[in-house]
Structure formats: C-alpha cells, structure tokens
Amino acid sequence: MSARVEIYTWRMCPFCIRAKQLLKAKGVEFTEYSIDGDEAARGQMAQRANGRRSLPQIFINDQHIGGCDDIHALEKKGQLDPLLA
C-alpha cells in the first residue's frame, strides 16, 4: 500500500489513538501532525477538513476522509483498502 496518509491528532485523544491503531494494524505508514494546543495548526487543519475541527482528521492522497468513526466505517464496508492502494 503506497497511499500518502496524513492524520492530525492530539497525543492523548482516544479517537486519535484508535484511528492510528487501525492504520498501524494494516501496515500503513502515515504522517502525523500532533497539534496539541496549537490553534493556528488546528485552523489550517479545519481549512483542509471542510471546517471540521474535531480530532483526528485523516487525509489519504489529499482526500479528506474524516475522523476515527469515518475511517472505521470505510474499513467495515471494505472501502479503505482501495483508497490505500
């Protein structure tokens, strides 16, 4: 799998941890932006994420995927692997 995956997180966010666990379990390398307390970085993330400010926010090949529930829903439907290919 060679997709470019980016994830915006807070270090102690349980949803962030859960999303990263899924990616790691699938052997996916990703770039993590830990934005704890950095409102400027959060604003930049929100611009990319169509205004969403919750964490995590996940992007695959610059396509906004959404958060933890969204990536797990894609996995459950069998739609995540094609995005990661």
C-alpha atoms as a PDB file:
ATOM      1  CA  MET A   1       0.000   0.000   0.000  1.00  0.00           C
ATOM      2  CA  SER A   2       1.548   3.235  -1.087  1.00  0.00           C
ATOM      3  CA  ALA A   3      -1.011   5.971  -0.488  1.00  0.00           C
ATOM      4  CA  ARG A   4       0.072   9.154   1.257  1.00  0.00           C
ATOM      5  CA  VAL A   5      -1.770   9.223   4.576  1.00  0.00           C
ATOM      6  CA  GLU A   6      -1.839  12.223   6.908  1.00  0.00           C
ATOM      7  CA  ILE A   7      -3.522  12.384  10.304  1.00  0.00           C
ATOM      8  CA  TYR A   8      -3.986  15.370  12.610  1.00  0.00           C
ATOM      9  CA  THR A   9      -4.011  14.329  16.266  1.00  0.00           C
ATOM     10  CA  TRP A  10      -3.740  15.245  19.910  1.00  0.00           C
ATOM     11  CA  ARG A  11      -1.412  12.968  21.849  1.00  0.00           C
ATOM     12  CA  MET A  12      -3.909  11.756  24.468  1.00  0.00           C
ATOM     13  CA  CYS A  13      -7.034  11.719  22.271  1.00  0.00           C
ATOM     14  CA  PRO A  14      -8.574   8.214  22.443  1.00  0.00           C
ATOM     15  CA  PHE A  15     -10.140   8.575  18.999  1.00  0.00           C
ATOM     16  CA  CYS A  16      -6.768   9.580  17.542  1.00  0.00           C
ATOM     17  CA  ILE A  17      -5.124   6.573  19.164  1.00  0.00           C
ATOM     18  CA  ARG A  18      -7.841   4.259  17.820  1.00  0.00           C
ATOM     19  CA  ALA A  19      -7.509   5.602  14.262  1.00  0.00           C
ATOM     20  CA  LYS A  20      -3.721   5.247  14.364  1.00  0.00           C
ATOM     21  CA  GLN A  21      -4.065   1.686  15.672  1.00  0.00           C
ATOM     22  CA  LEU A  22      -6.181   0.758  12.648  1.00  0.00           C
ATOM     23  CA  LEU A  23      -3.631   2.235  10.255  1.00  0.00           C
ATOM     24  CA  LYS A  24      -0.740   0.518  12.040  1.00  0.00           C
ATOM     25  CA  ALA A  25      -2.588  -2.825  12.052  1.00  0.00           C
ATOM     26  CA  LYS A  26      -2.928  -2.505   8.278  1.00  0.00           C
ATOM     27  CA  GLY A  27       0.796  -1.724   7.954  1.00  0.00           C
ATOM     28  CA  VAL A  28       0.128   1.784   6.682  1.00  0.00           C
ATOM     29  CA  GLU A  29       2.827   4.422   7.072  1.00  0.00           C
ATOM     30  CA  PHE A  30       1.413   7.846   7.838  1.00  0.00           C
ATOM     31  CA  THR A  31       2.473  11.372   8.626  1.00  0.00           C
ATOM     32  CA  GLU A  32       1.157  12.523  11.982  1.00  0.00           C
ATOM     33  CA  TYR A  33       0.644  16.167  12.850  1.00  0.00           C
ATOM     34  CA  SER A  34       0.317  16.399  16.620  1.00  0.00           C
ATOM     35  CA  ILE A  35      -1.361  19.772  17.089  1.00  0.00           C
ATOM     36  CA  ASP A  36      -1.909  19.788  20.869  1.00  0.00           C
ATOM     37  CA  GLY A  37      -2.846  23.328  21.850  1.00  0.00           C
ATOM     38  CA  ASP A  38      -1.697  24.849  18.536  1.00  0.00           C
ATOM     39  CA  GLU A  39      -4.731  26.842  17.402  1.00  0.00           C
ATOM     40  CA  ALA A  40      -3.007  28.051  14.219  1.00  0.00           C
ATOM     41  CA  ALA A  41      -2.339  24.452  13.163  1.00  0.00           C
ATOM     42  CA  ARG A  42      -5.898  23.490  14.090  1.00  0.00           C
ATOM     43  CA  GLY A  43      -7.178  26.316  11.909  1.00  0.00           C
ATOM     44  CA  GLN A  44      -5.095  25.076   8.975  1.00  0.00           C
ATOM     45  CA  MET A  45      -6.423  21.558   9.550  1.00  0.00           C
ATOM     46  CA  ALA A  46     -10.012  22.879   9.615  1.00  0.00           C
ATOM     47  CA  GLN A  47      -9.461  24.605   6.273  1.00  0.00           C
ATOM     48  CA  ARG A  48      -8.366  21.300   4.736  1.00  0.00           C
ATOM     49  CA  ALA A  49     -11.165  19.399   6.518  1.00  0.00           C
ATOM     50  CA  ASN A  50     -14.084  21.483   5.229  1.00  0.00           C
ATOM     51  CA  GLY A  51     -14.423  23.294   8.558  1.00  0.00           C
ATOM     52  CA  ARG A  52     -14.255  20.224  10.802  1.00  0.00           C
ATOM     53  CA  ARG A  53     -12.253  20.957  13.948  1.00  0.00           C
ATOM     54  CA  SER A  54     -12.661  17.650  15.785  1.00  0.00           C
ATOM     55  CA  LEU A  55      -9.750  15.253  16.018  1.00  0.00           C
ATOM     56  CA  PRO A  56      -8.471  13.207  14.413  1.00  0.00           C
ATOM     57  CA  GLN A  57      -8.820  14.387  10.834  1.00  0.00           C
ATOM     58  CA  ILE A  58      -7.481  11.973   8.245  1.00  0.00           C
ATOM     59  CA  PHE A  59      -6.429  12.544   4.645  1.00  0.00           C
ATOM     60  CA  ILE A  60      -5.498   9.930   2.050  1.00  0.00           C
ATOM     61  CA  ASN A  61      -3.751  11.315  -1.037  1.00  0.00           C
ATOM     62  CA  ASP A  62      -5.049  14.789  -0.087  1.00  0.00           C
ATOM     63  CA  GLN A  63      -8.651  13.495   0.012  1.00  0.00           C
ATOM     64  CA  HIS A  64     -10.385  14.298   3.295  1.00  0.00           C
ATOM     65  CA  ILE A  65     -11.571  11.026   4.839  1.00  0.00           C
ATOM     66  CA  GLY A  66     -12.898  12.399   8.117  1.00  0.00           C
ATOM     67  CA  GLY A  67     -12.319  11.204  11.654  1.00  0.00           C
ATOM     68  CA  CYS A  68     -11.990   7.965  13.572  1.00  0.00           C
ATOM     69  CA  ASP A  69     -15.572   6.781  13.018  1.00  0.00           C
ATOM     70  CA  ASP A  70     -15.291   7.581   9.311  1.00  0.00           C
ATOM     71  CA  ILE A  71     -12.118   5.564   8.739  1.00  0.00           C
ATOM     72  CA  HIS A  72     -13.514   2.614  10.707  1.00  0.00           C
ATOM     73  CA  ALA A  73     -16.742   2.768   8.667  1.00  0.00           C
ATOM     74  CA  LEU A  74     -14.705   2.652   5.447  1.00  0.00           C
ATOM     75  CA  GLU A  75     -12.823  -0.370   6.795  1.00  0.00           C
ATOM     76  CA  LYS A  76     -16.067  -2.127   7.750  1.00  0.00           C
ATOM     77  CA  LYS A  77     -17.502  -1.558   4.250  1.00  0.00           C
ATOM     78  CA  GLY A  78     -14.305  -2.809   2.584  1.00  0.00           C
ATOM     79  CA  GLN A  79     -13.667   0.634   1.078  1.00  0.00           C
ATOM     80  CA  LEU A  80     -10.479   1.546   2.940  1.00  0.00           C
ATOM     81  CA  ASP A  81      -8.024  -0.786   1.188  1.00  0.00           C
ATOM     82  CA  PRO A  82      -8.784   0.582  -2.299  1.00  0.00           C
ATOM     83  CA  LEU A  83      -8.074   4.111  -1.024  1.00  0.00           C
ATOM     84  CA  LEU A  84      -4.786   2.940   0.452  1.00  0.00           C
ATOM     85  CA  ALA A  85      -3.657   1.048  -2.674  1.00  0.00           C
END
